[in-house]
Amino acid sequence: MAIFQVNQSDSFATEYAGSYLCCPVGPYGGWPTMTRLKIGDQIVHYDGSKNNKIIRGISIVIPIKTVGLNNPQIVSPACAKISPPHLSLQAFSVTKSADVSRYQYFYVVYVKHQVAMDDPNLKKLPHVTYGGYLCRYPYSLSSIGV
């Protein structure tokens, strides 16, 4: 089992509520990393929006076949490639529409939340500060009992 951190801001609320991650192709996308996710991997959700900058939840990757999608290309048991529109398109502001229109494909992973959003124990966890949408998480989750 591996642990990853997803760096979200505008898309956090929509994707977390929907129990999925969606990584766009492009300079800021995390799709190459998403294709390597395996069932049982853990995801640390970092909300990097201006007013938050905190870890908001922890999820575990679940099999993609348990969720219905319209004509996905299955990349791995935990990752599907879908065509636009982006699943959380409504989370993007008008000023970002040029970025959204550049993306040709999107990868989606479905997750089950292990630690509830805003659990006070999450404040004990550091976040990864380097760039990228999805990256390996180098810290242990044992300090909060996961």
N, C-alpha and C. Protein backbone atom coordinates (compact mmCIF):
# COMPACT_ATOMS: atom_id res chain seq x y z
N MET A 1 0.83 -1.17 0.00
CA MET A 1 0.00 0.00 0.00
C MET A 1 0.88 1.24 0.00
N ALA A 2 0.55 2.18 -0.88
CA ALA A 2 1.27 3.44 -0.97
C ALA A 2 0.36 4.57 -0.49
N ILE A 3 0.99 5.67 -0.12
CA ILE A 3 0.24 6.84 0.34
C ILE A 3 0.57 8.00 -0.60
N PHE A 4 -0.46 8.69 -1.06
CA PHE A 4 -0.31 9.82 -1.96
C PHE A 4 -0.99 11.04 -1.36
N GLN A 5 -0.56 12.21 -1.80
CA GLN A 5 -1.24 13.45 -1.43
C GLN A 5 -1.78 14.07 -2.71
N VAL A 6 -3.07 14.42 -2.70
CA VAL A 6 -3.65 15.15 -3.82
C VAL A 6 -3.77 16.61 -3.37
N ASN A 7 -3.24 17.50 -4.20
CA ASN A 7 -3.25 18.93 -3.89
C ASN A 7 -4.43 19.57 -4.62
N GLN A 8 -5.47 19.85 -3.87
CA GLN A 8 -6.70 20.38 -4.45
C GLN A 8 -6.95 21.78 -3.90
N SER A 9 -7.69 22.57 -4.66
CA SER A 9 -8.16 23.85 -4.15
C SER A 9 -9.59 24.04 -4.64
N ASP A 10 -9.77 24.57 -5.85
CA ASP A 10 -11.12 24.77 -6.37
C ASP A 10 -11.91 23.48 -6.49
N SER A 11 -11.25 22.39 -6.81
CA SER A 11 -11.97 21.13 -7.04
C SER A 11 -12.19 20.32 -5.76
N PHE A 12 -11.65 20.76 -4.64
CA PHE A 12 -11.72 19.96 -3.42
C PHE A 12 -13.15 19.62 -3.02
N ALA A 13 -13.99 20.62 -2.86
CA ALA A 13 -15.35 20.39 -2.34
C ALA A 13 -16.14 19.44 -3.22
N THR A 14 -16.07 19.63 -4.53
CA THR A 14 -16.84 18.80 -5.45
C THR A 14 -16.32 17.37 -5.48
N GLU A 15 -15.01 17.21 -5.61
CA GLU A 15 -14.45 15.87 -5.73
C GLU A 15 -14.55 15.10 -4.42
N TYR A 16 -14.34 15.77 -3.31
CA TYR A 16 -14.41 15.07 -2.02
C TYR A 16 -15.84 14.62 -1.75
N ALA A 17 -16.80 15.50 -2.01
CA ALA A 17 -18.21 15.15 -1.80
C ALA A 17 -18.64 14.01 -2.70
N GLY A 18 -18.08 13.94 -3.91
CA GLY A 18 -18.43 12.90 -4.86
C GLY A 18 -17.62 11.62 -4.70
N SER A 19 -16.67 11.60 -3.76
CA SER A 19 -15.81 10.44 -3.50
C SER A 19 -15.01 10.01 -4.73
N TYR A 20 -14.44 10.98 -5.43
CA TYR A 20 -13.58 10.66 -6.56
C TYR A 20 -12.46 11.68 -6.66
N LEU A 21 -11.42 11.32 -7.41
CA LEU A 21 -10.36 12.23 -7.80
C LEU A 21 -10.38 12.28 -9.31
N CYS A 22 -10.10 13.43 -9.86
CA CYS A 22 -10.02 13.56 -11.31
C CYS A 22 -8.80 14.40 -11.63
N CYS A 23 -7.84 13.83 -12.34
CA CYS A 23 -6.60 14.53 -12.66
C CYS A 23 -6.57 14.86 -14.14
N PRO A 24 -6.50 16.13 -14.48
CA PRO A 24 -6.45 16.49 -15.90
C PRO A 24 -5.07 16.26 -16.50
N VAL A 25 -5.09 16.03 -17.82
CA VAL A 25 -3.85 15.99 -18.59
C VAL A 25 -3.42 17.44 -18.78
N GLY A 26 -2.18 17.70 -18.65
CA GLY A 26 -1.69 19.06 -18.84
C GLY A 26 -0.54 19.34 -17.90
N PRO A 27 -0.02 20.55 -17.95
CA PRO A 27 1.17 20.86 -17.15
C PRO A 27 0.96 20.73 -15.64
N TYR A 28 -0.27 20.87 -15.18
CA TYR A 28 -0.53 20.77 -13.75
C TYR A 28 -1.23 19.47 -13.38
N GLY A 29 -1.46 18.62 -14.34
CA GLY A 29 -2.21 17.39 -14.10
C GLY A 29 -1.37 16.32 -13.42
N GLY A 30 -2.05 15.44 -12.71
CA GLY A 30 -1.37 14.35 -12.03
C GLY A 30 -1.66 13.01 -12.65
N TRP A 31 -2.11 13.01 -13.91
CA TRP A 31 -2.57 11.76 -14.52
C TRP A 31 -1.51 10.67 -14.61
N PRO A 32 -0.23 10.96 -14.84
CA PRO A 32 0.72 9.84 -14.88
C PRO A 32 0.79 9.10 -13.54
N THR A 33 0.70 9.85 -12.45
CA THR A 33 0.72 9.24 -11.13
C THR A 33 -0.58 8.48 -10.88
N MET A 34 -1.70 9.02 -11.32
CA MET A 34 -2.97 8.34 -11.09
C MET A 34 -3.02 6.97 -11.74
N THR A 35 -2.37 6.81 -12.88
CA THR A 35 -2.39 5.51 -13.55
C THR A 35 -1.66 4.45 -12.75
N ARG A 36 -0.84 4.87 -11.79
CA ARG A 36 -0.10 3.91 -10.96
C ARG A 36 -0.80 3.61 -9.63
N LEU A 37 -1.92 4.28 -9.36
CA LEU A 37 -2.63 4.00 -8.11
C LEU A 37 -3.18 2.59 -8.13
N LYS A 38 -3.16 1.96 -6.97
CA LYS A 38 -3.67 0.60 -6.83
C LYS A 38 -4.76 0.58 -5.77
N ILE A 39 -5.65 -0.39 -5.89
CA ILE A 39 -6.71 -0.55 -4.91
C ILE A 39 -6.07 -0.72 -3.53
N GLY A 40 -6.56 0.03 -2.57
CA GLY A 40 -6.01 -0.02 -1.22
C GLY A 40 -5.02 1.09 -0.93
N ASP A 41 -4.50 1.78 -1.97
CA ASP A 41 -3.63 2.93 -1.72
C ASP A 41 -4.42 4.00 -0.98
N GLN A 42 -3.71 4.77 -0.18
CA GLN A 42 -4.36 5.82 0.59
C GLN A 42 -4.08 7.19 -0.03
N ILE A 43 -5.06 8.08 0.07
CA ILE A 43 -4.96 9.42 -0.48
C ILE A 43 -5.16 10.43 0.64
N VAL A 44 -4.20 11.32 0.81
CA VAL A 44 -4.30 12.44 1.74
C VAL A 44 -4.79 13.63 0.92
N HIS A 45 -5.92 14.22 1.33
CA HIS A 45 -6.51 15.35 0.60
C HIS A 45 -6.03 16.66 1.21
N TYR A 46 -5.22 17.39 0.45
CA TYR A 46 -4.73 18.68 0.90
C TYR A 46 -5.52 19.76 0.18
N ASP A 47 -6.21 20.59 0.94
CA ASP A 47 -6.98 21.69 0.39
C ASP A 47 -6.07 22.92 0.38
N GLY A 48 -5.58 23.25 -0.79
CA GLY A 48 -4.63 24.35 -0.90
C GLY A 48 -5.26 25.69 -1.23
N SER A 49 -6.58 25.81 -1.07
CA SER A 49 -7.21 27.09 -1.36
C SER A 49 -6.71 28.16 -0.39
N LYS A 50 -6.84 29.39 -0.79
CA LYS A 50 -6.23 30.51 -0.08
C LYS A 50 -6.59 30.55 1.41
N ASN A 51 -7.81 30.21 1.75
CA ASN A 51 -8.24 30.33 3.15
C ASN A 51 -8.04 29.06 3.97
N ASN A 52 -7.60 27.97 3.34
CA ASN A 52 -7.50 26.71 4.08
C ASN A 52 -6.06 26.26 4.29
N LYS A 53 -5.42 25.75 3.23
CA LYS A 53 -4.06 25.24 3.30
C LYS A 53 -3.88 24.22 4.42
N ILE A 54 -4.78 23.24 4.44
CA ILE A 54 -4.75 22.19 5.45
C ILE A 54 -5.13 20.85 4.83
N ILE A 55 -4.76 19.78 5.51
CA ILE A 55 -5.22 18.44 5.12
C ILE A 55 -6.66 18.30 5.62
N ARG A 56 -7.55 17.93 4.69
CA ARG A 56 -8.97 17.89 5.01
C ARG A 56 -9.54 16.49 5.16
N GLY A 57 -8.84 15.47 4.68
CA GLY A 57 -9.38 14.12 4.78
C GLY A 57 -8.41 13.09 4.25
N ILE A 58 -8.72 11.82 4.52
CA ILE A 58 -7.92 10.69 4.04
C ILE A 58 -8.88 9.67 3.45
N SER A 59 -8.53 9.16 2.27
CA SER A 59 -9.37 8.19 1.58
C SER A 59 -8.55 6.99 1.16
N ILE A 60 -9.25 5.93 0.78
CA ILE A 60 -8.62 4.72 0.26
C ILE A 60 -9.19 4.46 -1.13
N VAL A 61 -8.32 4.04 -2.05
CA VAL A 61 -8.73 3.78 -3.43
C VAL A 61 -9.56 2.50 -3.48
N ILE A 62 -10.70 2.58 -4.18
CA ILE A 62 -11.59 1.41 -4.33
C ILE A 62 -11.65 1.01 -5.80
N PRO A 63 -12.10 -0.20 -6.09
CA PRO A 63 -12.13 -0.67 -7.49
C PRO A 63 -13.03 0.20 -8.37
N ILE A 64 -12.54 0.54 -9.55
CA ILE A 64 -13.29 1.37 -10.48
C ILE A 64 -14.54 0.66 -10.98
N LYS A 65 -14.51 -0.67 -11.05
CA LYS A 65 -15.65 -1.40 -11.60
C LYS A 65 -16.88 -1.33 -10.71
N THR A 66 -16.72 -0.87 -9.48
CA THR A 66 -17.87 -0.78 -8.59
C THR A 66 -18.68 0.49 -8.84
N VAL A 67 -18.19 1.36 -9.71
CA VAL A 67 -18.87 2.63 -9.96
C VAL A 67 -19.20 2.72 -11.44
N GLY A 68 -20.42 3.14 -11.75
CA GLY A 68 -20.82 3.23 -13.14
C GLY A 68 -20.32 4.49 -13.82
N LEU A 69 -19.69 4.33 -14.96
CA LEU A 69 -19.26 5.46 -15.78
C LEU A 69 -19.73 5.22 -17.20
N ASN A 70 -19.92 6.29 -17.95
CA ASN A 70 -20.32 6.14 -19.34
C ASN A 70 -19.09 5.95 -20.23
N ASN A 71 -18.95 4.77 -20.79
CA ASN A 71 -17.89 4.44 -21.74
C ASN A 71 -16.49 4.85 -21.31
N PRO A 72 -16.06 4.43 -20.14
CA PRO A 72 -14.68 4.77 -19.76
C PRO A 72 -13.70 3.80 -20.41
N GLN A 73 -12.48 4.26 -20.55
CA GLN A 73 -11.38 3.35 -20.91
C GLN A 73 -10.72 3.00 -19.59
N ILE A 74 -10.74 1.72 -19.22
CA ILE A 74 -10.17 1.31 -17.95
C ILE A 74 -8.65 1.24 -18.10
N VAL A 75 -7.95 2.05 -17.32
CA VAL A 75 -6.49 2.11 -17.37
C VAL A 75 -5.90 1.09 -16.40
N SER A 76 -6.53 0.96 -15.25
CA SER A 76 -6.12 -0.02 -14.24
C SER A 76 -7.37 -0.34 -13.44
N PRO A 77 -7.33 -1.34 -12.58
CA PRO A 77 -8.52 -1.63 -11.77
C PRO A 77 -8.95 -0.45 -10.90
N ALA A 78 -8.04 0.50 -10.68
CA ALA A 78 -8.36 1.63 -9.82
C ALA A 78 -8.46 2.95 -10.58
N CYS A 79 -8.28 2.93 -11.90
CA CYS A 79 -8.19 4.19 -12.65
C CYS A 79 -8.88 4.05 -13.99
N ALA A 80 -9.75 4.99 -14.31
CA ALA A 80 -10.43 5.00 -15.60
C ALA A 80 -10.14 6.31 -16.32
N LYS A 81 -10.07 6.22 -17.63
CA LYS A 81 -9.87 7.40 -18.46
C LYS A 81 -11.21 7.76 -19.07
N ILE A 82 -11.63 8.99 -18.89
CA ILE A 82 -12.91 9.42 -19.43
C ILE A 82 -12.71 10.62 -20.33
N SER A 83 -13.70 10.89 -21.18
CA SER A 83 -13.63 12.06 -22.05
C SER A 83 -14.18 13.27 -21.31
N PRO A 84 -13.88 14.47 -21.79
CA PRO A 84 -14.44 15.66 -21.16
C PRO A 84 -15.96 15.60 -21.20
N PRO A 85 -16.68 16.34 -20.40
CA PRO A 85 -16.16 17.39 -19.54
C PRO A 85 -15.56 16.85 -18.24
N HIS A 86 -14.76 17.67 -17.62
CA HIS A 86 -14.16 17.35 -16.32
C HIS A 86 -15.30 17.10 -15.34
N LEU A 87 -15.16 16.06 -14.49
CA LEU A 87 -16.23 15.73 -13.56
C LEU A 87 -16.55 16.86 -12.60
N SER A 88 -15.57 17.70 -12.30
CA SER A 88 -15.82 18.80 -11.38
C SER A 88 -15.74 20.14 -12.10
N LEU A 89 -16.20 20.16 -13.34
CA LEU A 89 -16.11 21.36 -14.16
C LEU A 89 -16.75 22.57 -13.48
N GLN A 90 -17.85 22.35 -12.77
CA GLN A 90 -18.52 23.47 -12.12
C GLN A 90 -17.65 24.11 -11.04
N ALA A 91 -16.61 23.42 -10.61
CA ALA A 91 -15.72 23.98 -9.59
C ALA A 91 -14.72 24.96 -10.18
N PHE A 92 -14.58 24.95 -11.51
CA PHE A 92 -13.63 25.87 -12.15
C PHE A 92 -14.28 27.22 -12.39
N SER A 93 -13.55 28.27 -12.15
CA SER A 93 -14.06 29.62 -12.39
C SER A 93 -13.96 29.94 -13.88
N VAL A 94 -14.64 30.98 -14.29
CA VAL A 94 -14.62 31.40 -15.69
C VAL A 94 -13.19 31.73 -16.12
N THR A 95 -12.40 32.27 -15.22
CA THR A 95 -11.04 32.66 -15.57
C THR A 95 -10.16 31.46 -15.89
N LYS A 96 -10.57 30.28 -15.46
CA LYS A 96 -9.78 29.09 -15.72
C LYS A 96 -10.31 28.31 -16.93
N SER A 97 -11.31 28.84 -17.62
CA SER A 97 -11.93 28.08 -18.71
C SER A 97 -10.93 27.77 -19.82
N ALA A 98 -9.94 28.63 -20.04
CA ALA A 98 -8.94 28.35 -21.06
C ALA A 98 -8.12 27.12 -20.68
N ASP A 99 -7.80 26.99 -19.41
CA ASP A 99 -7.07 25.82 -18.95
C ASP A 99 -7.90 24.56 -19.13
N VAL A 100 -9.17 24.63 -18.77
CA VAL A 100 -10.05 23.47 -18.87
C VAL A 100 -10.18 23.03 -20.32
N SER A 101 -10.30 23.96 -21.24
CA SER A 101 -10.51 23.60 -22.64
C SER A 101 -9.27 22.97 -23.27
N ARG A 102 -8.09 23.17 -22.70
CA ARG A 102 -6.86 22.56 -23.23
C ARG A 102 -6.81 21.06 -22.97
N TYR A 103 -7.48 20.61 -21.90
CA TYR A 103 -7.38 19.22 -21.51
C TYR A 103 -8.15 18.33 -22.47
N GLN A 104 -7.53 17.23 -22.89
CA GLN A 104 -8.18 16.33 -23.83
C GLN A 104 -8.80 15.12 -23.15
N TYR A 105 -8.15 14.63 -22.10
CA TYR A 105 -8.66 13.46 -21.39
C TYR A 105 -8.46 13.67 -19.90
N PHE A 106 -9.23 12.94 -19.15
CA PHE A 106 -9.14 13.04 -17.70
C PHE A 106 -9.16 11.64 -17.11
N TYR A 107 -8.44 11.49 -16.03
CA TYR A 107 -8.39 10.21 -15.34
C TYR A 107 -9.14 10.35 -14.04
N VAL A 108 -9.90 9.33 -13.69
CA VAL A 108 -10.68 9.39 -12.46
C VAL A 108 -10.42 8.15 -11.62
N VAL A 109 -10.32 8.34 -10.33
CA VAL A 109 -10.17 7.27 -9.35
C VAL A 109 -11.25 7.47 -8.30
N TYR A 110 -11.91 6.40 -7.95
CA TYR A 110 -12.93 6.50 -6.91
C TYR A 110 -12.36 6.08 -5.57
N VAL A 111 -12.80 6.78 -4.53
CA VAL A 111 -12.24 6.58 -3.20
C VAL A 111 -13.34 6.43 -2.16
N LYS A 112 -12.98 5.79 -1.06
CA LYS A 112 -13.86 5.68 0.11
C LYS A 112 -13.16 6.42 1.24
N HIS A 113 -13.84 7.33 1.88
CA HIS A 113 -13.22 8.15 2.90
C HIS A 113 -12.96 7.35 4.18
N GLN A 114 -11.72 7.39 4.65
CA GLN A 114 -11.32 6.69 5.87
C GLN A 114 -11.37 7.60 7.08
N VAL A 115 -10.99 8.84 6.89
CA VAL A 115 -10.99 9.81 7.98
C VAL A 115 -11.87 10.96 7.54
N ALA A 116 -12.85 11.30 8.33
CA ALA A 116 -13.84 12.31 7.97
C ALA A 116 -13.19 13.67 7.74
N MET A 117 -13.82 14.43 6.86
CA MET A 117 -13.34 15.78 6.58
C MET A 117 -13.31 16.59 7.87
N ASP A 118 -12.23 17.29 8.06
CA ASP A 118 -12.04 18.17 9.22
C ASP A 118 -11.95 17.44 10.55
N ASP A 119 -11.61 16.16 10.54
CA ASP A 119 -11.33 15.45 11.79
C ASP A 119 -10.18 16.19 12.48
N PRO A 120 -10.30 16.51 13.76
CA PRO A 120 -9.25 17.28 14.44
C PRO A 120 -7.87 16.61 14.40
N ASN A 121 -7.82 15.29 14.28
CA ASN A 121 -6.53 14.60 14.22
C ASN A 121 -5.75 14.92 12.95
N LEU A 122 -6.43 15.38 11.91
CA LEU A 122 -5.75 15.69 10.65
C LEU A 122 -4.75 16.83 10.82
N LYS A 123 -4.97 17.66 11.79
CA LYS A 123 -4.05 18.79 12.02
C LYS A 123 -2.67 18.32 12.45
N LYS A 124 -2.55 17.06 12.85
CA LYS A 124 -1.26 16.51 13.25
C LYS A 124 -0.38 16.17 12.06
N LEU A 125 -0.98 16.09 10.88
CA LEU A 125 -0.24 15.63 9.70
C LEU A 125 0.37 16.80 8.93
N PRO A 126 1.63 16.67 8.53
CA PRO A 126 2.22 17.68 7.66
C PRO A 126 1.74 17.46 6.23
N HIS A 127 1.84 18.49 5.41
CA HIS A 127 1.52 18.31 3.99
C HIS A 127 2.80 18.47 3.18
N VAL A 128 2.74 17.95 1.96
CA VAL A 128 3.88 18.05 1.05
C VAL A 128 3.80 19.41 0.38
N THR A 129 4.90 20.14 0.37
CA THR A 129 4.85 21.51 -0.13
C THR A 129 5.29 21.68 -1.58
N TYR A 130 5.89 20.64 -2.18
CA TYR A 130 6.32 20.81 -3.57
C TYR A 130 5.15 20.70 -4.52
N GLY A 131 5.36 21.18 -5.74
CA GLY A 131 4.29 21.28 -6.72
C GLY A 131 3.78 19.95 -7.24
N GLY A 132 2.76 20.04 -8.05
CA GLY A 132 2.15 18.86 -8.64
C GLY A 132 0.80 18.58 -8.04
N TYR A 133 -0.09 18.02 -8.85
CA TYR A 133 -1.45 17.76 -8.39
C TYR A 133 -1.52 16.52 -7.51
N LEU A 134 -0.75 15.51 -7.85
CA LEU A 134 -0.77 14.25 -7.11
C LEU A 134 0.65 13.78 -6.92
N CYS A 135 1.04 13.49 -5.70
CA CYS A 135 2.43 13.11 -5.42
C CYS A 135 2.47 12.08 -4.29
N ARG A 136 3.61 11.41 -4.15
CA ARG A 136 3.79 10.46 -3.05
C ARG A 136 3.82 11.24 -1.74
N TYR A 137 3.22 10.67 -0.72
CA TYR A 137 3.18 11.28 0.60
C TYR A 137 4.25 10.62 1.44
N PRO A 138 5.29 11.36 1.86
CA PRO A 138 6.44 10.74 2.52
C PRO A 138 6.30 10.52 4.03
N TYR A 139 5.15 10.85 4.59
CA TYR A 139 4.98 10.74 6.03
C TYR A 139 4.09 9.55 6.39
N SER A 140 4.13 9.16 7.65
CA SER A 140 3.30 8.06 8.15
C SER A 140 1.94 8.60 8.59
N LEU A 141 0.91 7.77 8.45
CA LEU A 141 -0.42 8.15 8.93
C LEU A 141 -0.69 7.55 10.31
N SER A 142 0.29 6.88 10.88
CA SER A 142 0.07 6.19 12.16
C SER A 142 -0.20 7.16 13.31
N SER A 143 0.24 8.42 13.19
CA SER A 143 0.01 9.36 14.27
C SER A 143 -1.46 9.67 14.49
N ILE A 144 -2.29 9.37 13.49
CA ILE A 144 -3.73 9.58 13.67
C ILE A 144 -4.49 8.26 13.63
N GLY A 145 -3.76 7.17 13.72
CA GLY A 145 -4.40 5.86 13.84
C GLY A 145 -4.89 5.26 12.54
N VAL A 146 -4.33 5.65 11.42
CA VAL A 146 -4.76 5.08 10.12
C VAL A 146 -3.76 4.04 9.69
